[in-house]
Amino acid sequence: MPVSTPPFYRTALPEDVPACIRLRGLTRENAVSEQRLAELGITAESWSQQVREGRLPGVVAQVGGEVVGYCFGDTGSGEVVVLALLPDFEGRGIGRDLLAQVVAMLRAHGHRRLFLGCSDNPGSRSWGFYRHLGWHPTGRRDSHGDEELEYLCGVTGRG
């Protein structure tokens, strides 16, 4: 499929989860295999159930019918749980668009403070990506040792 084909965005369905799990292992940085996800308790069954129940809504980007990226957030906590994109589709604004749509979903659930875990290595793509979009360090770390960033929705100049 041509990389120049524009993506089609839609709400993620439980049936998308197996493709999302496969894609997670193919990302350029911070790839996580299906086996490692299972060790963390994240399986197609558990993830699909959370999507089905509305606890983990998300958005997928498709090109030529293939899922090339996705983002999911937790409606209970306001956490952006995961944003993943195939390397061939980086640099086209797809990650930014996916994140913006999930931010809007979490805002619609009443969250005004969102958070996520991110590498604290300034050389990683995610470090600059989130900061450029207005996410700020909290000084805390998540359970995986990643730096916690927050986004305050509705603050002047942000969200």
N, C-alpha and C. Protein backbone atom coordinates (compact mmCIF):
# COMPACT_ATOMS: atom_id res chain seq x y z
N MET A 1 0.85 -1.18 0.00
CA MET A 1 0.00 0.00 0.00
C MET A 1 0.89 1.24 0.00
N PRO A 2 0.52 2.25 -0.76
CA PRO A 2 1.34 3.46 -0.80
C PRO A 2 1.29 4.19 0.54
N VAL A 3 2.46 4.62 0.99
CA VAL A 3 2.55 5.35 2.26
C VAL A 3 1.82 6.69 2.15
N SER A 4 1.67 7.22 0.95
CA SER A 4 1.03 8.52 0.79
C SER A 4 -0.49 8.47 0.89
N THR A 5 -1.07 7.29 0.94
CA THR A 5 -2.52 7.16 1.08
C THR A 5 -2.95 7.73 2.42
N PRO A 6 -3.94 8.64 2.43
CA PRO A 6 -4.37 9.23 3.72
C PRO A 6 -5.04 8.18 4.61
N PRO A 7 -4.84 8.31 5.91
CA PRO A 7 -5.46 7.35 6.83
C PRO A 7 -6.95 7.59 7.01
N PHE A 8 -7.64 6.54 7.36
CA PHE A 8 -9.04 6.60 7.74
C PHE A 8 -9.08 6.33 9.24
N TYR A 9 -9.67 7.24 9.99
CA TYR A 9 -9.76 7.10 11.45
C TYR A 9 -11.16 6.65 11.83
N ARG A 10 -11.21 5.74 12.81
CA ARG A 10 -12.51 5.31 13.31
C ARG A 10 -12.35 4.82 14.74
N THR A 11 -13.48 4.75 15.43
CA THR A 11 -13.50 4.23 16.78
C THR A 11 -13.06 2.77 16.76
N ALA A 12 -12.19 2.42 17.68
CA ALA A 12 -11.69 1.05 17.77
C ALA A 12 -12.81 0.11 18.22
N LEU A 13 -12.80 -1.08 17.66
CA LEU A 13 -13.75 -2.13 18.00
C LEU A 13 -13.01 -3.27 18.71
N PRO A 14 -13.71 -4.07 19.49
CA PRO A 14 -13.05 -5.22 20.12
C PRO A 14 -12.33 -6.11 19.11
N GLU A 15 -12.87 -6.20 17.91
CA GLU A 15 -12.29 -7.04 16.86
C GLU A 15 -10.94 -6.50 16.37
N ASP A 16 -10.63 -5.23 16.65
CA ASP A 16 -9.36 -4.63 16.23
C ASP A 16 -8.20 -5.02 17.13
N VAL A 17 -8.48 -5.51 18.32
CA VAL A 17 -7.44 -5.73 19.32
C VAL A 17 -6.34 -6.70 18.85
N PRO A 18 -6.65 -7.84 18.22
CA PRO A 18 -5.54 -8.69 17.76
C PRO A 18 -4.57 -7.96 16.83
N ALA A 19 -5.09 -7.13 15.92
CA ALA A 19 -4.22 -6.35 15.04
C ALA A 19 -3.41 -5.34 15.84
N CYS A 20 -4.01 -4.75 16.85
CA CYS A 20 -3.31 -3.79 17.70
C CYS A 20 -2.18 -4.47 18.46
N ILE A 21 -2.43 -5.66 18.94
CA ILE A 21 -1.38 -6.41 19.66
C ILE A 21 -0.21 -6.73 18.73
N ARG A 22 -0.51 -7.16 17.52
CA ARG A 22 0.56 -7.43 16.54
C ARG A 22 1.36 -6.17 16.24
N LEU A 23 0.64 -5.07 16.00
CA LEU A 23 1.29 -3.80 15.67
C LEU A 23 2.19 -3.33 16.81
N ARG A 24 1.79 -3.56 18.05
CA ARG A 24 2.56 -3.10 19.22
C ARG A 24 3.96 -3.68 19.22
N GLY A 25 4.12 -4.86 18.68
CA GLY A 25 5.43 -5.48 18.60
C GLY A 25 6.27 -5.01 17.42
N LEU A 26 5.70 -4.17 16.56
CA LEU A 26 6.39 -3.72 15.35
C LEU A 26 6.78 -2.24 15.40
N THR A 27 6.52 -1.57 16.51
CA THR A 27 6.83 -0.15 16.59
C THR A 27 8.33 0.07 16.63
N ARG A 28 8.75 1.25 16.24
CA ARG A 28 10.19 1.58 16.17
C ARG A 28 10.82 1.62 17.56
N GLU A 29 10.19 2.30 18.48
CA GLU A 29 10.70 2.41 19.84
C GLU A 29 9.69 1.82 20.79
N ASN A 30 10.17 1.18 21.83
CA ASN A 30 9.30 0.63 22.87
C ASN A 30 8.35 -0.44 22.34
N ALA A 31 8.84 -1.25 21.41
CA ALA A 31 8.04 -2.37 20.91
C ALA A 31 7.82 -3.37 22.04
N VAL A 32 6.60 -3.89 22.12
CA VAL A 32 6.26 -4.87 23.15
C VAL A 32 5.61 -6.06 22.44
N SER A 33 6.19 -7.22 22.62
CA SER A 33 5.70 -8.42 21.95
C SER A 33 4.39 -8.90 22.57
N GLU A 34 3.68 -9.72 21.81
CA GLU A 34 2.44 -10.33 22.31
C GLU A 34 2.72 -11.13 23.58
N GLN A 35 3.84 -11.84 23.60
CA GLN A 35 4.20 -12.63 24.78
C GLN A 35 4.42 -11.74 25.99
N ARG A 36 5.13 -10.64 25.80
CA ARG A 36 5.39 -9.72 26.93
C ARG A 36 4.09 -9.08 27.41
N LEU A 37 3.22 -8.71 26.49
CA LEU A 37 1.93 -8.15 26.88
C LEU A 37 1.15 -9.16 27.73
N ALA A 38 1.17 -10.43 27.31
CA ALA A 38 0.47 -11.48 28.06
C ALA A 38 1.06 -11.62 29.46
N GLU A 39 2.39 -11.51 29.57
CA GLU A 39 3.02 -11.56 30.89
C GLU A 39 2.56 -10.42 31.78
N LEU A 40 2.21 -9.30 31.17
CA LEU A 40 1.70 -8.14 31.90
C LEU A 40 0.19 -8.23 32.14
N GLY A 41 -0.42 -9.32 31.67
CA GLY A 41 -1.86 -9.51 31.85
C GLY A 41 -2.71 -8.89 30.76
N ILE A 42 -2.07 -8.49 29.68
CA ILE A 42 -2.78 -7.86 28.56
C ILE A 42 -2.89 -8.88 27.43
N THR A 43 -4.08 -9.41 27.26
CA THR A 43 -4.35 -10.39 26.20
C THR A 43 -5.42 -9.83 25.28
N ALA A 44 -5.58 -10.47 24.13
CA ALA A 44 -6.64 -10.04 23.21
C ALA A 44 -7.99 -10.10 23.91
N GLU A 45 -8.19 -11.14 24.71
CA GLU A 45 -9.47 -11.30 25.41
C GLU A 45 -9.70 -10.19 26.44
N SER A 46 -8.69 -9.92 27.28
CA SER A 46 -8.87 -8.91 28.33
C SER A 46 -9.01 -7.50 27.74
N TRP A 47 -8.20 -7.20 26.74
CA TRP A 47 -8.24 -5.88 26.11
C TRP A 47 -9.56 -5.68 25.37
N SER A 48 -9.97 -6.70 24.63
CA SER A 48 -11.25 -6.62 23.89
C SER A 48 -12.42 -6.40 24.85
N GLN A 49 -12.39 -7.08 25.99
CA GLN A 49 -13.46 -6.93 26.98
C GLN A 49 -13.53 -5.49 27.49
N GLN A 50 -12.37 -4.87 27.75
CA GLN A 50 -12.35 -3.49 28.22
C GLN A 50 -12.88 -2.54 27.16
N VAL A 51 -12.58 -2.81 25.90
CA VAL A 51 -13.11 -1.99 24.81
C VAL A 51 -14.63 -2.17 24.74
N ARG A 52 -15.08 -3.41 24.80
CA ARG A 52 -16.51 -3.74 24.72
C ARG A 52 -17.29 -3.03 25.84
N GLU A 53 -16.71 -2.99 27.04
CA GLU A 53 -17.38 -2.38 28.20
C GLU A 53 -17.26 -0.86 28.23
N GLY A 54 -16.50 -0.28 27.32
CA GLY A 54 -16.34 1.17 27.28
C GLY A 54 -15.32 1.70 28.26
N ARG A 55 -14.57 0.83 28.93
CA ARG A 55 -13.56 1.27 29.88
C ARG A 55 -12.27 1.70 29.19
N LEU A 56 -12.04 1.21 27.98
CA LEU A 56 -10.81 1.49 27.25
C LEU A 56 -11.16 1.85 25.80
N PRO A 57 -11.75 3.03 25.62
CA PRO A 57 -12.08 3.43 24.26
C PRO A 57 -10.81 3.81 23.50
N GLY A 58 -10.89 3.68 22.20
CA GLY A 58 -9.74 4.02 21.38
C GLY A 58 -10.12 4.38 19.97
N VAL A 59 -9.10 4.73 19.22
CA VAL A 59 -9.24 5.10 17.82
C VAL A 59 -8.16 4.36 17.05
N VAL A 60 -8.52 3.83 15.89
CA VAL A 60 -7.53 3.21 15.01
C VAL A 60 -7.41 4.04 13.74
N ALA A 61 -6.21 4.01 13.16
CA ALA A 61 -5.97 4.60 11.85
C ALA A 61 -5.74 3.45 10.89
N GLN A 62 -6.46 3.48 9.78
CA GLN A 62 -6.33 2.43 8.78
C GLN A 62 -5.87 3.03 7.46
N VAL A 63 -5.05 2.28 6.76
CA VAL A 63 -4.66 2.61 5.40
C VAL A 63 -4.82 1.33 4.60
N GLY A 64 -5.61 1.40 3.56
CA GLY A 64 -5.86 0.21 2.75
C GLY A 64 -6.48 -0.92 3.54
N GLY A 65 -7.28 -0.60 4.54
CA GLY A 65 -7.95 -1.60 5.36
C GLY A 65 -7.08 -2.18 6.47
N GLU A 66 -5.79 -1.81 6.52
CA GLU A 66 -4.87 -2.31 7.55
C GLU A 66 -4.74 -1.29 8.68
N VAL A 67 -4.76 -1.77 9.92
CA VAL A 67 -4.53 -0.89 11.06
C VAL A 67 -3.05 -0.53 11.08
N VAL A 68 -2.76 0.78 10.97
CA VAL A 68 -1.37 1.25 10.95
C VAL A 68 -1.01 2.01 12.23
N GLY A 69 -2.01 2.31 13.04
CA GLY A 69 -1.77 2.99 14.30
C GLY A 69 -3.02 2.99 15.14
N TYR A 70 -2.83 3.25 16.44
CA TYR A 70 -3.98 3.29 17.35
C TYR A 70 -3.61 4.02 18.63
N CYS A 71 -4.64 4.42 19.34
CA CYS A 71 -4.48 5.05 20.64
C CYS A 71 -5.68 4.66 21.49
N PHE A 72 -5.43 4.35 22.78
CA PHE A 72 -6.49 3.97 23.71
C PHE A 72 -6.32 4.73 25.02
N GLY A 73 -7.43 5.04 25.66
CA GLY A 73 -7.40 5.72 26.95
C GLY A 73 -8.34 5.05 27.94
N ASP A 74 -8.05 5.25 29.22
CA ASP A 74 -8.81 4.65 30.31
C ASP A 74 -9.84 5.66 30.83
N THR A 75 -11.12 5.35 30.67
CA THR A 75 -12.17 6.29 31.07
C THR A 75 -12.26 6.45 32.59
N GLY A 76 -11.79 5.46 33.34
CA GLY A 76 -11.84 5.56 34.79
C GLY A 76 -10.81 6.50 35.37
N SER A 77 -9.60 6.48 34.80
CA SER A 77 -8.50 7.24 35.38
C SER A 77 -8.09 8.48 34.59
N GLY A 78 -8.39 8.50 33.30
CA GLY A 78 -7.93 9.60 32.45
C GLY A 78 -6.55 9.36 31.88
N GLU A 79 -6.08 8.11 31.97
CA GLU A 79 -4.76 7.79 31.43
C GLU A 79 -4.84 7.47 29.94
N VAL A 80 -3.92 8.03 29.17
CA VAL A 80 -3.72 7.58 27.80
C VAL A 80 -2.82 6.37 27.93
N VAL A 81 -3.40 5.21 27.69
CA VAL A 81 -2.74 3.94 27.99
C VAL A 81 -1.69 3.58 26.94
N VAL A 82 -2.01 3.80 25.68
CA VAL A 82 -1.08 3.41 24.62
C VAL A 82 -1.34 4.21 23.35
N LEU A 83 -0.26 4.56 22.68
CA LEU A 83 -0.29 5.15 21.35
C LEU A 83 0.79 4.42 20.57
N ALA A 84 0.42 3.78 19.47
CA ALA A 84 1.37 3.00 18.69
C ALA A 84 1.13 3.23 17.20
N LEU A 85 2.23 3.23 16.46
CA LEU A 85 2.18 3.52 15.03
C LEU A 85 3.26 2.72 14.32
N LEU A 86 2.92 2.14 13.18
CA LEU A 86 3.93 1.45 12.38
C LEU A 86 4.97 2.46 11.91
N PRO A 87 6.25 2.08 11.90
CA PRO A 87 7.32 3.01 11.51
C PRO A 87 7.13 3.68 10.15
N ASP A 88 6.61 2.97 9.17
CA ASP A 88 6.43 3.55 7.84
C ASP A 88 5.42 4.69 7.81
N PHE A 89 4.66 4.87 8.89
CA PHE A 89 3.62 5.89 8.91
C PHE A 89 3.93 7.03 9.89
N GLU A 90 5.13 7.02 10.44
CA GLU A 90 5.56 8.10 11.33
C GLU A 90 5.78 9.38 10.52
N GLY A 91 5.67 10.51 11.20
CA GLY A 91 5.97 11.79 10.58
C GLY A 91 4.88 12.33 9.68
N ARG A 92 3.70 11.75 9.73
CA ARG A 92 2.59 12.19 8.88
C ARG A 92 1.45 12.81 9.68
N GLY A 93 1.63 12.95 11.00
CA GLY A 93 0.59 13.54 11.84
C GLY A 93 -0.44 12.54 12.33
N ILE A 94 -0.24 11.27 12.02
CA ILE A 94 -1.22 10.25 12.41
C ILE A 94 -1.23 10.07 13.93
N GLY A 95 -0.06 9.99 14.54
CA GLY A 95 0.02 9.85 15.99
C GLY A 95 -0.63 11.03 16.69
N ARG A 96 -0.36 12.23 16.21
CA ARG A 96 -0.96 13.45 16.77
C ARG A 96 -2.48 13.39 16.66
N ASP A 97 -2.98 12.97 15.51
CA ASP A 97 -4.42 12.90 15.30
C ASP A 97 -5.07 11.84 16.20
N LEU A 98 -4.43 10.68 16.31
CA LEU A 98 -4.96 9.63 17.18
C LEU A 98 -5.02 10.11 18.62
N LEU A 99 -3.94 10.72 19.09
CA LEU A 99 -3.89 11.23 20.46
C LEU A 99 -4.98 12.28 20.69
N ALA A 100 -5.15 13.21 19.76
CA ALA A 100 -6.16 14.25 19.91
C ALA A 100 -7.56 13.66 20.03
N GLN A 101 -7.84 12.61 19.27
CA GLN A 101 -9.17 11.99 19.33
C GLN A 101 -9.40 11.28 20.66
N VAL A 102 -8.36 10.64 21.19
CA VAL A 102 -8.52 9.98 22.49
C VAL A 102 -8.60 11.02 23.61
N VAL A 103 -7.84 12.09 23.51
CA VAL A 103 -7.97 13.18 24.48
C VAL A 103 -9.41 13.68 24.50
N ALA A 104 -10.00 13.86 23.33
CA ALA A 104 -11.40 14.32 23.26
C ALA A 104 -12.35 13.31 23.89
N MET A 105 -12.10 12.02 23.69
CA MET A 105 -12.94 10.98 24.30
C MET A 105 -12.85 11.06 25.83
N LEU A 106 -11.64 11.19 26.34
CA LEU A 106 -11.47 11.24 27.79
C LEU A 106 -12.06 12.53 28.38
N ARG A 107 -11.95 13.62 27.66
CA ARG A 107 -12.59 14.87 28.09
C ARG A 107 -14.11 14.69 28.14
N ALA A 108 -14.67 13.99 27.17
CA ALA A 108 -16.11 13.75 27.13
C ALA A 108 -16.56 12.91 28.32
N HIS A 109 -15.63 12.18 28.93
CA HIS A 109 -15.93 11.40 30.14
C HIS A 109 -15.68 12.22 31.40
N GLY A 110 -15.42 13.52 31.23
CA GLY A 110 -15.29 14.41 32.38
C GLY A 110 -13.89 14.64 32.90
N HIS A 111 -12.89 14.06 32.25
CA HIS A 111 -11.51 14.24 32.72
C HIS A 111 -10.96 15.58 32.25
N ARG A 112 -10.37 16.31 33.17
CA ARG A 112 -9.71 17.58 32.83
C ARG A 112 -8.20 17.47 32.98
N ARG A 113 -7.76 16.45 33.70
CA ARG A 113 -6.33 16.16 33.83
C ARG A 113 -6.10 14.75 33.27
N LEU A 114 -5.30 14.69 32.22
CA LEU A 114 -4.96 13.41 31.62
C LEU A 114 -3.50 13.12 31.92
N PHE A 115 -3.13 11.86 31.87
CA PHE A 115 -1.74 11.50 32.12
C PHE A 115 -1.35 10.28 31.30
N LEU A 116 -0.03 10.08 31.20
CA LEU A 116 0.52 8.94 30.48
C LEU A 116 1.94 8.70 30.96
N GLY A 117 2.44 7.50 30.69
CA GLY A 117 3.82 7.17 30.97
C GLY A 117 4.65 7.31 29.71
N CYS A 118 5.85 7.89 29.85
CA CYS A 118 6.68 8.18 28.69
C CYS A 118 8.15 8.01 29.07
N SER A 119 8.97 7.69 28.09
CA SER A 119 10.40 7.60 28.32
C SER A 119 10.93 8.95 28.78
N ASP A 120 11.88 8.91 29.70
CA ASP A 120 12.50 10.17 30.13
C ASP A 120 13.81 10.43 29.38
N ASN A 121 14.04 9.67 28.31
CA ASN A 121 15.23 9.84 27.49
C ASN A 121 14.94 10.88 26.40
N PRO A 122 15.62 12.05 26.46
CA PRO A 122 15.38 13.08 25.45
C PRO A 122 15.68 12.62 24.02
N GLY A 123 16.41 11.52 23.86
CA GLY A 123 16.68 10.99 22.54
C GLY A 123 15.56 10.16 21.95
N SER A 124 14.55 9.83 22.76
CA SER A 124 13.43 9.02 22.24
C SER A 124 12.42 9.92 21.54
N ARG A 125 11.77 9.36 20.54
CA ARG A 125 10.77 10.14 19.78
C ARG A 125 9.63 10.60 20.67
N SER A 126 9.19 9.74 21.59
CA SER A 126 8.04 10.09 22.43
C SER A 126 8.34 11.27 23.35
N TRP A 127 9.59 11.40 23.81
CA TRP A 127 9.95 12.47 24.73
C TRP A 127 9.59 13.83 24.12
N GLY A 128 10.03 14.10 22.92
CA GLY A 128 9.75 15.37 22.27
C GLY A 128 8.33 15.48 21.75
N PHE A 129 7.79 14.36 21.29
CA PHE A 129 6.43 14.34 20.72
C PHE A 129 5.41 14.87 21.72
N TYR A 130 5.37 14.29 22.91
CA TYR A 130 4.35 14.70 23.88
C TYR A 130 4.59 16.11 24.39
N ARG A 131 5.82 16.47 24.64
CA ARG A 131 6.12 17.81 25.12
C ARG A 131 5.73 18.86 24.09
N HIS A 132 5.98 18.58 22.83
CA HIS A 132 5.60 19.50 21.75
C HIS A 132 4.09 19.73 21.73
N LEU A 133 3.34 18.72 22.14
CA LEU A 133 1.87 18.82 22.13
C LEU A 133 1.30 19.33 23.45
N GLY A 134 2.16 19.78 24.37
CA GLY A 134 1.67 20.41 25.59
C GLY A 134 1.62 19.54 26.82
N TRP A 135 2.19 18.35 26.78
CA TRP A 135 2.25 17.47 27.95
C TRP A 135 3.46 17.87 28.79
N HIS A 136 3.29 17.82 30.12
CA HIS A 136 4.34 18.27 31.04
C HIS A 136 4.66 17.21 32.08
N PRO A 137 5.93 17.09 32.48
CA PRO A 137 6.32 16.13 33.51
C PRO A 137 5.67 16.47 34.85
N THR A 138 5.31 15.43 35.59
CA THR A 138 4.71 15.61 36.92
C THR A 138 5.73 15.41 38.04
N GLY A 139 6.89 14.83 37.70
CA GLY A 139 7.87 14.49 38.72
C GLY A 139 7.64 13.10 39.29
N ARG A 140 6.61 12.41 38.79
CA ARG A 140 6.32 11.05 39.26
C ARG A 140 6.68 10.04 38.18
N ARG A 141 6.73 8.77 38.61
CA ARG A 141 6.99 7.66 37.70
C ARG A 141 5.83 6.68 37.81
N ASP A 142 5.54 6.00 36.70
CA ASP A 142 4.48 5.00 36.73
C ASP A 142 5.04 3.65 37.20
N SER A 143 4.20 2.65 37.23
CA SER A 143 4.60 1.33 37.74
C SER A 143 5.66 0.64 36.88
N HIS A 144 5.87 1.13 35.66
CA HIS A 144 6.89 0.56 34.76
C HIS A 144 8.19 1.37 34.81
N GLY A 145 8.22 2.40 35.65
CA GLY A 145 9.40 3.23 35.76
C GLY A 145 9.46 4.37 34.76
N ASP A 146 8.41 4.53 33.95
CA ASP A 146 8.38 5.62 32.99
C ASP A 146 8.00 6.93 33.67
N GLU A 147 8.44 8.01 33.08
CA GLU A 147 8.10 9.34 33.57
C GLU A 147 6.62 9.61 33.31
N GLU A 148 5.93 10.16 34.30
CA GLU A 148 4.52 10.51 34.12
C GLU A 148 4.44 11.93 33.57
N LEU A 149 3.70 12.07 32.48
CA LEU A 149 3.39 13.38 31.91
C LEU A 149 1.92 13.64 32.09
N GLU A 150 1.55 14.91 32.21
CA GLU A 150 0.13 15.25 32.33
C GLU A 150 -0.24 16.31 31.31
N TYR A 151 -1.52 16.33 31.03
CA TYR A 151 -2.09 17.31 30.11
C TYR A 151 -3.32 17.86 30.80
N LEU A 152 -3.34 19.17 30.99
CA LEU A 152 -4.47 19.80 31.66
C LEU A 152 -5.40 20.38 30.62
N CYS A 153 -6.54 19.78 30.46
CA CYS A 153 -7.51 20.19 29.44
C CYS A 153 -8.19 21.49 29.86
N GLY A 154 -8.34 22.38 28.91
CA GLY A 154 -9.08 23.60 29.17
C GLY A 154 -8.25 24.71 29.78
N VAL A 155 -6.96 24.47 30.04
CA VAL A 155 -6.09 25.53 30.56
C VAL A 155 -5.72 26.42 29.40
N THR A 156 -5.71 27.73 29.62
CA THR A 156 -5.40 28.68 28.55
C THR A 156 -4.15 28.27 27.81
N GLY A 157 -4.28 28.18 26.49
CA GLY A 157 -3.17 27.80 25.65
C GLY A 157 -2.93 26.30 25.56
N ARG A 158 -3.73 25.53 26.27
CA ARG A 158 -3.60 24.07 26.26
C ARG A 158 -4.97 23.45 26.19
N GLY A 159 -5.06 22.34 25.49
CA GLY A 159 -6.30 21.55 25.44
C GLY A 159 -7.41 22.31 24.89
